Amino acid sequence: MPKFLRSVRAKAALAAMAVVAVALALASVAILEATFSAVDAAAQNLARNQIASVALIMKGGEVSDPLPVPRGDLGVQVIDATGRVVATTANVAKLSAFAKVTPATASILRNLKLGDHRIIGDLKGDSEGVLVGERVSVPSDGLRVVRYSTTTQADSQPREVSEIQVKTSPTPGAGTANASPGSQSVFVLVFASLGTTVQSTRATETSLFVLFPILVILVGLVVWYLTGRALRPVEKIRSEVASISGANLHARVHLPTSRDEIAKLATTMNEMLDRLEQSSERMRAFVSDASHELRSPIASIRAELEVSLLHPEATEMPVALAAALEEASRMQRIVDDLLTLAKIDEKVLVPKSESVDLDEIVATEARRIRAQYSKIVDTTEVQAARILGDRDQIFRVVRNLFDNAARYSRSRVVISLTMLDGMVELRVCDDGPGIPEEMREKVFERFHRLEKDRSRISGGSGLGLAIAASLVELHGGRLYVEEGLSELGGAELVLQLPADPAFSGREAIQPIHTLET
């Protein structure tokens, strides 16, 4: 397809032209058919009226030849029982019978079809017409035809030449309104010419065929112009979007003053650019923070190795290697966290659906926190609970929550696990400094810390809660910070996950180490 025809303007114009052409063609056919039908019906009525006039004349038992005719486009013939034309109008005097009729012919003949529409050579218009025939009753003593002939006498008056007796046939039953018992009848045929009307109609038809292409082309040009005007804002939006790159994501497209679909398109484009700008900013911040986090352990490892190489005699190699190993482990944890977040962002990390005893994971992690951080961990409010999910991912969520509470707490952590209305709720409280109200949403952002100098002290990278929140979302749950301070005066994080529908509940487990340090 040519490039020109692939444009929206061309497609709209061609479609409009096609629709208008089809509509005009159908309308023209319908109008012309209706016109022909109306003209045909009018001609039939005229012919029947003429038959009624002739029948009225013949009631007296006599009819003149030629018959009087009120208009030149009518031809009348009177046919006797033998099929002979006994009287006609002057314009069809030289023609044979319009139709073959016999005594067995039906009493009423309507709309007889002419075999050749051109046979009426002397009629006005010399073209198509309508033929109507009826059986007409005459007096029982027969019908006389008085023939006249015009002469060149001074008075120019017609004079009688002769008269003939018409052979009639009995009227079958009372087939017509004019029939009576024992009456005789003849046939009267009337041809109504449609020549003038047909010529006028065909002239109109020719005019339509000339005007329709002009009208169709005009419609196409109008649609082309209007479509161009309608698409002008779209082209402006396209050119503005084409000029936007990563260097100027802050730019926005022009918003039309109209409230139509074009304005909605511009609004949607601006909203998309807002999302792209925010995503780009988050990506730059993520790369910057990741670089900073990875640079610190790399710098520490390099410093340990350089000191060991420069002063081997004053370096305790086991101590130096242990410090380097610790920094390498910290760097490995950061890289693992970054890979996990990347998989979550790319939606390639799909959790399994298996039955997980959440209370067992909580008990296991509580024992680890007591041993690793030497904190008091209260698990007296932990009850039996089971969920459907990925055990490894849920384990990581619980570990991140417990590590966060242990790092920020002074000496005590309280854990509760309950089931309510088909949901499992895990609450982790600590006696630390708490989380300010304006920071409750930001703590789940990547590389976010409440205190800038705690990275080295606590060993955290600021990714633990971000990973936990993302994994909880994958499981259809919710992780948030409770409003206000906990009962210990610090922060209280709440984890909610859908419970396993097949879990009917069991006796609340007894805490393994209720308040053990």
Protein backbone atom coordinates (compact mmCIF):
# COMPACT_ATOMS: atom_id res chain seq x y z
CA MET A 1 0.00 0.00 0.00
CA PRO A 2 1.42 3.45 -0.88
CA LYS A 3 2.56 5.57 2.04
CA PHE A 4 -0.07 8.16 1.24
CA LEU A 5 -2.90 5.65 1.65
CA ARG A 6 -1.53 4.46 5.00
CA SER A 7 -2.22 7.79 6.69
CA VAL A 8 -5.23 8.24 8.95
CA ARG A 9 -6.44 11.18 6.88
CA ALA A 10 -6.45 9.14 3.68
CA LYS A 11 -8.17 6.19 5.33
CA ALA A 12 -10.84 8.43 6.87
CA ALA A 13 -11.44 10.25 3.57
CA LEU A 14 -11.65 7.04 1.55
CA ALA A 15 -13.95 5.44 4.11
CA ALA A 16 -16.25 8.48 4.08
CA MET A 17 -16.29 8.51 0.29
CA ALA A 18 -17.13 4.81 0.16
CA VAL A 19 -19.94 5.16 2.70
CA VAL A 20 -21.41 8.20 0.94
CA ALA A 21 -21.14 6.50 -2.46
CA VAL A 22 -22.93 3.39 -1.24
CA ALA A 23 -25.58 5.45 0.57
CA LEU A 24 -26.22 7.65 -2.47
CA ALA A 25 -26.38 4.64 -4.78
CA LEU A 26 -28.90 2.88 -2.56
CA ALA A 27 -30.93 6.06 -2.11
CA SER A 28 -30.92 6.70 -5.86
CA VAL A 29 -32.07 3.18 -6.66
CA ALA A 30 -34.81 3.43 -4.05
CA ILE A 31 -35.95 6.86 -5.30
CA LEU A 32 -35.94 5.82 -8.96
CA GLU A 33 -37.77 2.57 -8.20
CA ALA A 34 -40.35 4.48 -6.17
CA THR A 35 -40.72 7.00 -8.99
CA PHE A 36 -41.18 4.28 -11.62
CA SER A 37 -43.69 2.49 -9.41
CA ALA A 38 -45.67 5.69 -8.82
CA VAL A 39 -45.68 6.55 -12.54
CA ASP A 40 -46.69 2.99 -13.44
CA ALA A 41 -49.54 3.06 -10.90
CA ALA A 42 -50.70 6.45 -12.23
CA ALA A 43 -50.67 5.12 -15.81
CA GLN A 44 -52.70 2.08 -14.78
CA ASN A 45 -55.29 4.28 -13.06
CA LEU A 46 -55.47 6.49 -16.12
CA ALA A 47 -55.98 3.46 -18.38
CA ARG A 48 -58.73 2.05 -16.16
CA ASN A 49 -60.48 5.42 -16.10
CA GLN A 50 -60.36 5.47 -19.88
CA ILE A 51 -61.87 1.97 -19.99
CA ALA A 52 -64.66 3.15 -17.71
CA SER A 53 -65.33 6.09 -20.08
CA VAL A 54 -65.54 3.78 -23.11
CA ALA A 55 -67.79 1.38 -21.18
CA LEU A 56 -70.12 4.27 -20.37
CA ILE A 57 -70.33 5.17 -24.07
CA MET A 58 -71.06 1.58 -25.09
CA LYS A 59 -74.02 1.27 -22.71
CA GLY A 60 -76.16 2.87 -25.42
CA GLY A 61 -75.30 -0.01 -27.78
CA GLU A 62 -73.23 2.19 -30.09
CA VAL A 63 -69.63 3.30 -30.27
CA SER A 64 -67.83 5.52 -32.74
CA ASP A 65 -64.66 4.70 -34.63
CA PRO A 66 -62.25 6.37 -34.17
CA LEU A 67 -62.81 6.58 -30.42
CA PRO A 68 -62.39 9.92 -28.74
CA VAL A 69 -59.27 10.15 -26.54
CA PRO A 70 -58.58 12.96 -24.10
CA ARG A 71 -54.79 12.86 -24.45
CA GLY A 72 -52.29 11.76 -27.04
CA ASP A 73 -50.42 9.26 -24.87
CA LEU A 74 -53.43 6.90 -24.64
CA GLY A 75 -54.29 4.26 -27.23
CA VAL A 76 -57.68 2.46 -27.02
CA GLN A 77 -58.87 -0.66 -28.85
CA VAL A 78 -62.28 -2.40 -28.76
CA ILE A 79 -61.98 -6.11 -29.61
CA ASP A 80 -64.94 -8.36 -30.35
CA ALA A 81 -65.43 -12.06 -29.55
CA THR A 82 -63.39 -13.14 -32.58
CA GLY A 83 -60.35 -11.11 -31.53
CA ARG A 84 -60.95 -8.49 -34.27
CA VAL A 85 -60.26 -4.81 -33.60
CA VAL A 86 -63.56 -3.11 -34.29
CA ALA A 87 -62.85 0.38 -32.96
CA THR A 88 -59.71 2.29 -32.01
CA THR A 89 -58.45 5.72 -31.32
CA ALA A 90 -56.91 7.48 -34.29
CA ASN A 91 -53.34 7.22 -32.98
CA VAL A 92 -53.38 3.41 -33.06
CA ALA A 93 -55.70 2.87 -36.05
CA LYS A 94 -53.08 1.04 -38.09
CA LEU A 95 -52.03 -1.40 -35.39
CA SER A 96 -53.21 -4.92 -34.74
CA ALA A 97 -54.62 -5.95 -31.40
CA PHE A 98 -52.43 -5.06 -28.44
CA ALA A 99 -53.04 -8.51 -26.94
CA LYS A 100 -54.62 -11.77 -28.06
CA VAL A 101 -58.04 -12.20 -26.46
CA THR A 102 -60.68 -14.93 -26.92
CA PRO A 103 -64.08 -15.61 -25.39
CA ALA A 104 -62.24 -17.82 -22.85
CA THR A 105 -60.11 -14.90 -21.68
CA ALA A 106 -60.66 -13.91 -18.05
CA SER A 107 -63.29 -11.30 -17.44
CA ILE A 108 -60.73 -8.76 -16.21
CA LEU A 109 -57.25 -8.32 -17.63
CA ARG A 110 -54.95 -5.91 -15.84
CA ASN A 111 -51.36 -4.86 -16.51
CA LEU A 112 -50.87 -7.00 -19.61
CA LYS A 113 -47.19 -7.03 -20.58
CA LEU A 114 -46.29 -5.95 -24.09
CA GLY A 115 -43.86 -8.20 -25.87
CA ASP A 116 -42.22 -5.21 -27.53
CA HIS A 117 -42.53 -1.79 -25.96
CA ARG A 118 -41.68 -0.14 -29.28
CA ILE A 119 -44.72 -1.38 -31.22
CA ILE A 120 -46.83 1.71 -30.54
CA GLY A 121 -45.20 3.80 -33.20
CA ASP A 122 -47.85 6.49 -33.45
CA LEU A 123 -48.24 7.20 -29.75
CA LYS A 124 -46.77 10.31 -28.18
CA GLY A 125 -43.25 9.56 -26.96
CA ASP A 126 -42.96 6.32 -28.98
CA SER A 127 -41.64 4.35 -25.99
CA GLU A 128 -42.65 2.18 -23.03
CA GLY A 129 -46.11 2.02 -21.58
CA VAL A 130 -48.71 0.12 -19.56
CA LEU A 131 -51.41 -2.06 -21.11
CA VAL A 132 -54.70 -2.62 -19.24
CA GLY A 133 -57.61 -4.72 -20.54
CA GLU A 134 -61.08 -5.43 -19.22
CA ARG A 135 -64.19 -7.25 -20.38
CA VAL A 136 -66.93 -4.64 -20.79
CA SER A 137 -70.65 -5.48 -20.88
CA VAL A 138 -72.79 -4.21 -23.78
CA PRO A 139 -76.58 -4.38 -24.38
CA SER A 140 -77.96 -7.85 -25.03
CA ASP A 141 -78.97 -6.91 -28.60
CA GLY A 142 -75.34 -6.26 -29.47
CA LEU A 143 -73.09 -3.32 -30.26
CA ARG A 144 -72.94 -1.20 -33.38
CA VAL A 145 -69.76 0.59 -34.47
CA VAL A 146 -70.28 3.82 -36.38
CA ARG A 147 -67.24 4.68 -38.42
CA TYR A 148 -66.44 8.23 -39.42
CA SER A 149 -63.95 9.61 -41.85
CA THR A 150 -62.68 13.17 -42.12
CA THR A 151 -62.92 14.80 -45.55
CA THR A 152 -61.83 17.97 -47.23
CA GLN A 153 -65.33 19.44 -47.35
CA ALA A 154 -65.66 23.11 -46.72
CA ASP A 155 -67.31 22.62 -43.41
CA SER A 156 -64.43 20.26 -42.39
CA GLN A 157 -66.93 18.23 -40.41
CA PRO A 158 -66.60 14.45 -40.21
CA ARG A 159 -69.32 12.54 -42.03
CA GLU A 160 -70.67 9.07 -41.38
CA VAL A 161 -69.35 6.43 -43.70
CA SER A 162 -70.68 3.12 -42.43
CA GLU A 163 -71.61 1.08 -39.42
CA ILE A 164 -70.88 -2.56 -38.54
CA GLN A 165 -72.36 -5.02 -36.17
CA VAL A 166 -69.98 -6.28 -33.52
CA LYS A 167 -69.92 -9.95 -32.61
CA THR A 168 -70.16 -10.19 -28.85
CA SER A 169 -69.77 -13.03 -26.40
CA PRO A 170 -71.81 -13.89 -23.32
CA THR A 171 -70.48 -12.44 -20.13
CA PRO A 172 -69.44 -15.34 -17.88
CA GLY A 173 -71.43 -14.93 -14.64
CA ALA A 174 -71.29 -11.51 -13.17
CA GLY A 175 -67.60 -11.05 -13.58
CA THR A 176 -67.66 -7.27 -13.60
CA ALA A 177 -69.57 -4.49 -12.01
CA ASN A 178 -71.12 -3.73 -15.41
CA ALA A 179 -72.27 -7.33 -15.98
CA SER A 180 -75.86 -8.47 -15.63
CA PRO A 181 -77.53 -11.88 -16.25
CA GLY A 182 -77.67 -12.66 -19.99
CA SER A 183 -75.55 -9.63 -20.97
CA GLN A 184 -73.02 -9.62 -23.80
CA SER A 185 -69.48 -8.27 -23.62
CA VAL A 186 -66.46 -7.16 -25.63
CA PHE A 187 -62.86 -6.39 -24.64
CA VAL A 188 -61.45 -2.92 -24.24
CA LEU A 189 -57.67 -2.56 -24.22
CA VAL A 190 -55.96 0.70 -23.27
CA PHE A 191 -52.26 1.37 -23.75
CA ALA A 192 -50.93 4.26 -21.63
CA SER A 193 -47.60 5.49 -22.94
CA LEU A 194 -44.87 6.35 -20.41
CA GLY A 195 -42.50 7.76 -22.97
CA THR A 196 -42.34 11.33 -21.70
CA THR A 197 -42.16 10.26 -18.08
CA VAL A 198 -39.48 7.67 -18.75
CA GLN A 199 -37.41 10.18 -20.66
CA SER A 200 -37.66 12.67 -17.82
CA THR A 201 -36.76 10.00 -15.27
CA ARG A 202 -33.79 8.86 -17.30
CA ALA A 203 -32.63 12.45 -17.63
CA THR A 204 -32.82 12.72 -13.84
CA GLU A 205 -30.91 9.45 -13.56
CA THR A 206 -28.19 10.77 -15.87
CA SER A 207 -27.94 13.94 -13.78
CA LEU A 208 -27.57 11.89 -10.62
CA PHE A 209 -24.76 9.83 -12.13
CA VAL A 210 -22.98 13.05 -13.01
CA LEU A 211 -23.58 14.79 -9.67
CA PHE A 212 -22.84 11.80 -7.42
CA PRO A 213 -19.11 11.56 -8.18
CA ILE A 214 -18.78 15.29 -7.61
CA LEU A 215 -20.60 14.98 -4.28
CA VAL A 216 -18.49 11.97 -3.23
CA ILE A 217 -15.26 13.81 -4.08
CA LEU A 218 -16.48 16.88 -2.18
CA VAL A 219 -17.22 14.74 0.88
CA GLY A 220 -13.73 13.20 0.65
CA LEU A 221 -12.10 16.65 0.51
CA VAL A 222 -14.15 17.90 3.48
CA VAL A 223 -13.28 14.82 5.55
CA TRP A 224 -9.61 15.17 4.53
CA TYR A 225 -9.57 18.78 5.71
CA LEU A 226 -11.47 18.15 8.97
CA THR A 227 -9.38 15.08 9.79
CA GLY A 228 -6.22 17.10 9.23
CA ARG A 229 -7.44 19.78 11.61
CA ALA A 230 -8.43 17.16 14.19
CA LEU A 231 -5.05 15.41 13.94
CA ARG A 232 -3.01 18.59 14.08
CA PRO A 233 -2.76 18.49 17.91
CA VAL A 234 -1.78 14.81 17.68
CA GLU A 235 1.07 15.67 15.34
CA LYS A 236 2.16 18.40 17.73
CA ILE A 237 2.10 15.94 20.63
CA ARG A 238 4.09 13.43 18.54
CA SER A 239 6.78 15.97 17.66
CA GLU A 240 7.04 17.11 21.29
CA VAL A 241 7.36 13.53 22.55
CA ALA A 242 9.96 12.79 19.86
CA SER A 243 12.11 15.65 21.21
CA ILE A 244 12.06 14.27 24.79
CA SER A 245 15.02 12.11 25.80
CA GLY A 246 16.71 10.99 28.97
CA ALA A 247 18.38 14.40 29.26
CA ASN A 248 15.08 16.34 29.42
CA LEU A 249 12.55 13.98 31.02
CA HIS A 250 11.20 16.99 32.88
CA ALA A 251 9.66 18.32 29.63
CA ARG A 252 5.94 17.84 29.06
CA VAL A 253 3.68 17.97 25.99
CA HIS A 254 1.33 20.85 25.36
CA LEU A 255 -2.12 20.27 26.90
CA PRO A 256 -4.96 21.36 24.55
CA THR A 257 -7.67 23.58 26.00
CA SER A 258 -10.39 21.30 24.64
CA ARG A 259 -11.74 18.46 26.74
CA ASP A 260 -11.89 15.89 23.96
CA GLU A 261 -9.95 12.68 23.32
CA ILE A 262 -6.88 14.63 22.19
CA ALA A 263 -6.72 16.37 25.57
CA LYS A 264 -7.04 12.99 27.29
CA LEU A 265 -4.19 11.70 25.13
CA ALA A 266 -1.98 14.64 26.10
CA THR A 267 -2.84 14.14 29.78
CA THR A 268 -1.99 10.43 29.53
CA MET A 269 1.32 11.24 27.83
CA ASN A 270 2.22 13.69 30.59
CA GLU A 271 1.32 11.12 33.25
CA MET A 272 3.52 8.57 31.47
CA LEU A 273 6.39 11.07 31.36
CA ASP A 274 5.90 11.68 35.10
CA ARG A 275 6.24 7.96 35.74
CA LEU A 276 9.29 7.71 33.49
CA GLU A 277 10.94 10.66 35.24
CA GLN A 278 10.23 9.19 38.66
CA SER A 279 11.51 5.79 37.53
CA SER A 280 14.64 7.38 36.10
CA GLU A 281 15.24 9.29 39.33
CA ARG A 282 14.76 6.13 41.38
CA MET A 283 17.12 4.26 39.09
CA ARG A 284 19.82 6.92 39.37
CA ALA A 285 19.42 7.02 43.15
CA PHE A 286 19.51 3.23 43.28
CA VAL A 287 22.71 3.06 41.23
CA SER A 288 24.29 5.80 43.33
CA ASP A 289 23.36 4.15 46.63
CA ALA A 290 24.41 0.72 45.40
CA SER A 291 27.76 2.11 44.26
CA HIS A 292 28.24 3.78 47.62
CA GLU A 293 27.33 0.62 49.54
CA LEU A 294 29.64 -1.55 47.46
CA ARG A 295 32.47 0.96 47.57
CA SER A 296 32.70 0.83 51.37
CA PRO A 297 33.46 -2.91 51.76
CA ILE A 298 35.74 -2.83 48.72
CA ALA A 299 37.68 0.07 50.23
CA SER A 300 37.94 -1.77 53.57
CA ILE A 301 39.22 -4.96 51.93
CA ARG A 302 41.75 -2.97 49.90
CA ALA A 303 42.95 -1.08 52.99
CA GLU A 304 43.44 -4.34 54.94
CA LEU A 305 45.39 -5.90 52.08
CA GLU A 306 47.56 -2.81 51.47
CA VAL A 307 48.50 -2.52 55.15
CA SER A 308 49.31 -6.23 55.24
CA LEU A 309 51.55 -5.90 52.18
CA LEU A 310 53.30 -2.71 53.33
CA HIS A 311 53.87 -3.86 56.91
CA PRO A 312 53.88 -7.64 56.93
CA GLU A 313 56.00 -7.77 60.07
CA ALA A 314 53.47 -5.72 62.06
CA THR A 315 50.36 -7.44 60.64
CA GLU A 316 48.56 -10.32 62.24
CA MET A 317 47.49 -12.17 59.13
CA PRO A 318 44.59 -14.11 60.72
CA VAL A 319 43.11 -10.88 62.03
CA ALA A 320 43.56 -9.07 58.70
CA LEU A 321 42.10 -11.95 56.71
CA ALA A 322 39.13 -12.21 59.08
CA ALA A 323 38.40 -8.48 58.67
CA ALA A 324 38.68 -8.79 54.88
CA LEU A 325 36.40 -11.85 54.93
CA GLU A 326 33.81 -9.99 56.98
CA GLU A 327 33.76 -7.11 54.50
CA ALA A 328 33.57 -9.56 51.59
CA SER A 329 30.60 -11.27 53.26
CA ARG A 330 28.92 -7.90 53.74
CA MET A 331 29.47 -7.07 50.05
CA GLN A 332 28.06 -10.47 49.07
CA ARG A 333 24.92 -9.80 51.13
CA ILE A 334 24.44 -6.43 49.38
CA VAL A 335 24.87 -8.03 45.94
CA ASP A 336 22.38 -10.78 46.84
CA ASP A 337 19.87 -8.18 48.02
CA LEU A 338 20.31 -6.18 44.83
CA LEU A 339 19.76 -9.28 42.68
CA THR A 340 16.62 -10.12 44.66
CA LEU A 341 15.22 -6.62 44.13
CA ALA A 342 16.09 -6.78 40.43
CA LYS A 343 14.19 -10.08 40.08
CA ILE A 344 11.21 -8.58 41.88
CA ASP A 345 11.24 -5.53 39.62
CA GLU A 346 11.46 -7.71 36.51
CA LYS A 347 8.60 -9.90 37.85
CA VAL A 348 10.64 -13.08 37.40
CA LEU A 349 10.51 -13.98 41.08
CA VAL A 350 7.32 -16.03 41.38
CA PRO A 351 6.57 -17.41 44.87
CA LYS A 352 5.67 -21.04 45.34
CA SER A 353 2.34 -22.04 46.85
CA GLU A 354 3.01 -24.43 49.71
CA SER A 355 1.76 -24.78 53.26
CA VAL A 356 4.11 -22.96 55.63
CA ASP A 357 4.00 -23.10 59.45
CA LEU A 358 4.72 -19.49 60.24
CA ASP A 359 4.93 -20.12 63.99
CA GLU A 360 7.86 -22.52 63.47
CA ILE A 361 9.75 -19.91 61.44
CA VAL A 362 9.07 -17.31 64.15
CA ALA A 363 10.34 -19.67 66.89
CA THR A 364 13.49 -20.49 64.90
CA GLU A 365 14.32 -16.85 64.23
CA ALA A 366 13.58 -15.88 67.85
CA ARG A 367 16.23 -18.34 69.04
CA ARG A 368 18.72 -16.88 66.52
CA ILE A 369 18.09 -13.30 67.66
CA ARG A 370 18.63 -14.25 71.30
CA ALA A 371 21.93 -15.92 70.49
CA GLN A 372 23.25 -13.40 67.95
CA TYR A 373 22.22 -10.10 69.53
CA SER A 374 21.93 -11.11 73.21
CA LYS A 375 18.50 -9.50 73.47
CA ILE A 376 15.42 -10.48 75.47
CA VAL A 377 12.86 -11.90 73.02
CA ASP A 378 9.30 -12.39 74.34
CA THR A 379 7.30 -14.98 72.31
CA THR A 380 4.52 -15.67 74.81
CA GLU A 381 1.91 -14.29 72.35
CA VAL A 382 2.94 -16.53 69.46
CA GLN A 383 0.13 -18.88 68.38
CA ALA A 384 -0.09 -21.58 65.75
CA ALA A 385 -0.55 -20.14 62.22
CA ARG A 386 -0.18 -21.49 58.73
CA ILE A 387 -0.09 -19.70 55.38
CA LEU A 388 0.24 -20.58 51.70
CA GLY A 389 3.43 -19.26 50.14
CA ASP A 390 7.12 -19.72 49.44
CA ARG A 391 8.85 -20.93 52.60
CA ASP A 392 12.27 -19.48 51.72
CA GLN A 393 10.82 -16.06 50.89
CA ILE A 394 8.64 -15.96 54.03
CA PHE A 395 11.68 -17.03 56.07
CA ARG A 396 13.62 -14.11 54.62
CA VAL A 397 10.83 -11.66 55.42
CA VAL A 398 10.69 -12.80 59.08
CA ARG A 399 14.49 -12.69 59.36
CA ASN A 400 14.66 -9.13 57.99
CA LEU A 401 11.94 -7.96 60.39
CA PHE A 402 13.65 -9.58 63.39
CA ASP A 403 17.11 -8.27 62.40
CA ASN A 404 15.70 -4.75 62.04
CA ALA A 405 14.07 -4.92 65.51
CA ALA A 406 17.20 -6.41 67.12
CA ARG A 407 19.51 -3.76 65.63
CA TYR A 408 17.40 -0.82 66.78
CA SER A 409 16.21 -2.18 70.13
CA ARG A 410 18.01 -1.47 73.40
CA SER A 411 17.43 -4.77 75.12
CA ARG A 412 13.97 -6.18 74.48
CA VAL A 413 11.85 -7.41 71.54
CA VAL A 414 8.23 -8.61 71.85
CA ILE A 415 6.72 -10.85 69.14
CA SER A 416 3.07 -11.82 68.73
CA LEU A 417 1.45 -14.09 66.11
CA THR A 418 -2.34 -14.42 65.82
CA MET A 419 -5.02 -15.44 63.30
CA LEU A 420 -8.07 -13.25 62.69
CA ASP A 421 -10.72 -13.34 59.91
CA GLY A 422 -8.69 -15.48 57.54
CA MET A 423 -5.53 -13.42 58.02
CA VAL A 424 -2.32 -14.16 59.90
CA GLU A 425 -0.89 -11.17 61.75
CA LEU A 426 2.69 -10.96 63.00
CA ARG A 427 3.66 -8.01 65.23
CA VAL A 428 7.29 -7.18 66.07
CA CYS A 429 7.85 -4.54 68.80
CA ASP A 430 11.12 -3.17 70.16
CA ASP A 431 12.18 -0.72 72.85
CA GLY A 432 14.32 1.34 70.49
CA PRO A 433 13.98 5.01 69.47
CA GLY A 434 10.87 4.37 67.34
CA ILE A 435 10.07 5.65 63.86
CA PRO A 436 8.85 9.24 63.34
CA GLU A 437 5.46 9.57 61.72
CA GLU A 438 6.81 11.23 58.57
CA MET A 439 9.26 8.36 58.05
CA ARG A 440 6.84 5.41 58.34
CA GLU A 441 6.47 5.02 54.58
CA LYS A 442 10.08 5.81 53.73
CA VAL A 443 11.52 3.01 55.89
CA PHE A 444 10.38 0.59 53.16
CA GLU A 445 12.32 2.46 50.48
CA ARG A 446 15.63 1.11 49.24
CA PHE A 447 18.83 2.22 51.00
CA HIS A 448 16.83 4.27 53.46
CA ARG A 449 18.05 4.60 57.04
CA LEU A 450 16.70 6.64 59.88
CA GLU A 451 20.22 7.65 60.90
CA LYS A 452 22.90 8.23 58.29
CA ASP A 453 25.72 7.04 60.57
CA ARG A 454 24.13 3.69 61.47
CA SER A 455 25.23 1.84 58.36
CA ARG A 456 28.57 0.93 59.74
CA ILE A 457 27.38 0.47 63.31
CA SER A 458 24.44 -1.80 62.60
CA GLY A 459 25.88 -3.45 59.52
CA GLY A 460 22.65 -2.90 57.57
CA SER A 461 22.49 -1.78 53.95
CA GLY A 462 19.01 -0.25 54.04
CA LEU A 463 17.57 -2.99 51.82
CA GLY A 464 16.09 -5.37 54.40
CA LEU A 465 12.69 -3.77 54.86
CA ALA A 466 12.44 -2.92 51.15
CA ILE A 467 12.95 -6.59 50.24
CA ALA A 468 10.51 -7.69 52.95
CA ALA A 469 7.80 -5.32 51.74
CA SER A 470 8.24 -6.46 48.11
CA LEU A 471 8.08 -10.16 49.03
CA VAL A 472 5.01 -9.61 51.20
CA GLU A 473 3.30 -7.85 48.29
CA LEU A 474 4.06 -10.85 46.05
CA HIS A 475 2.20 -13.04 48.58
CA GLY A 476 -0.85 -10.76 48.63
CA GLY A 477 -0.10 -9.42 52.10
CA ARG A 478 0.69 -6.13 53.75
CA LEU A 479 3.63 -4.78 55.78
CA TYR A 480 3.35 -1.47 57.60
CA VAL A 481 4.43 0.50 60.67
CA GLU A 482 1.80 0.80 63.40
CA GLU A 483 0.83 4.34 64.33
CA GLY A 484 2.24 5.65 67.57
CA LEU A 485 4.81 3.97 69.78
CA SER A 486 4.70 0.32 70.78
CA GLU A 487 4.06 -0.89 74.31
CA LEU A 488 7.86 -0.92 74.77
CA GLY A 489 8.20 2.67 73.60
CA GLY A 490 9.81 1.86 70.27
CA ALA A 491 8.62 0.88 66.79
CA GLU A 492 6.00 -1.76 66.01
CA LEU A 493 5.98 -3.41 62.56
CA VAL A 494 2.91 -5.38 61.48
CA LEU A 495 2.91 -8.18 58.88
CA GLN A 496 -0.41 -9.47 57.53
CA LEU A 497 -0.68 -12.50 55.22
CA PRO A 498 -3.65 -14.61 54.01
CA ALA A 499 -4.04 -17.75 56.11
CA ASP A 500 -4.03 -21.27 54.66
CA PRO A 501 -7.74 -22.08 54.04
CA ALA A 502 -7.13 -25.74 54.91
CA PHE A 503 -5.68 -24.88 58.34
CA SER A 504 -8.28 -25.43 61.07
CA GLY A 505 -6.09 -24.19 63.87
CA ARG A 506 -4.42 -26.04 66.75
CA GLU A 507 -3.41 -25.43 70.35
CA ALA A 508 -1.27 -22.34 70.78
CA ILE A 509 2.36 -23.38 70.94
CA GLN A 510 4.25 -22.81 74.14
CA PRO A 511 7.15 -20.38 73.70
CA ILE A 512 10.45 -22.21 73.65
CA HIS A 513 12.27 -19.37 75.39
CA THR A 514 9.75 -17.00 76.83
CA LEU A 515 12.01 -14.25 78.15
CA GLU A 516 15.41 -15.81 77.70
CA THR A 517 18.40 -13.63 76.88
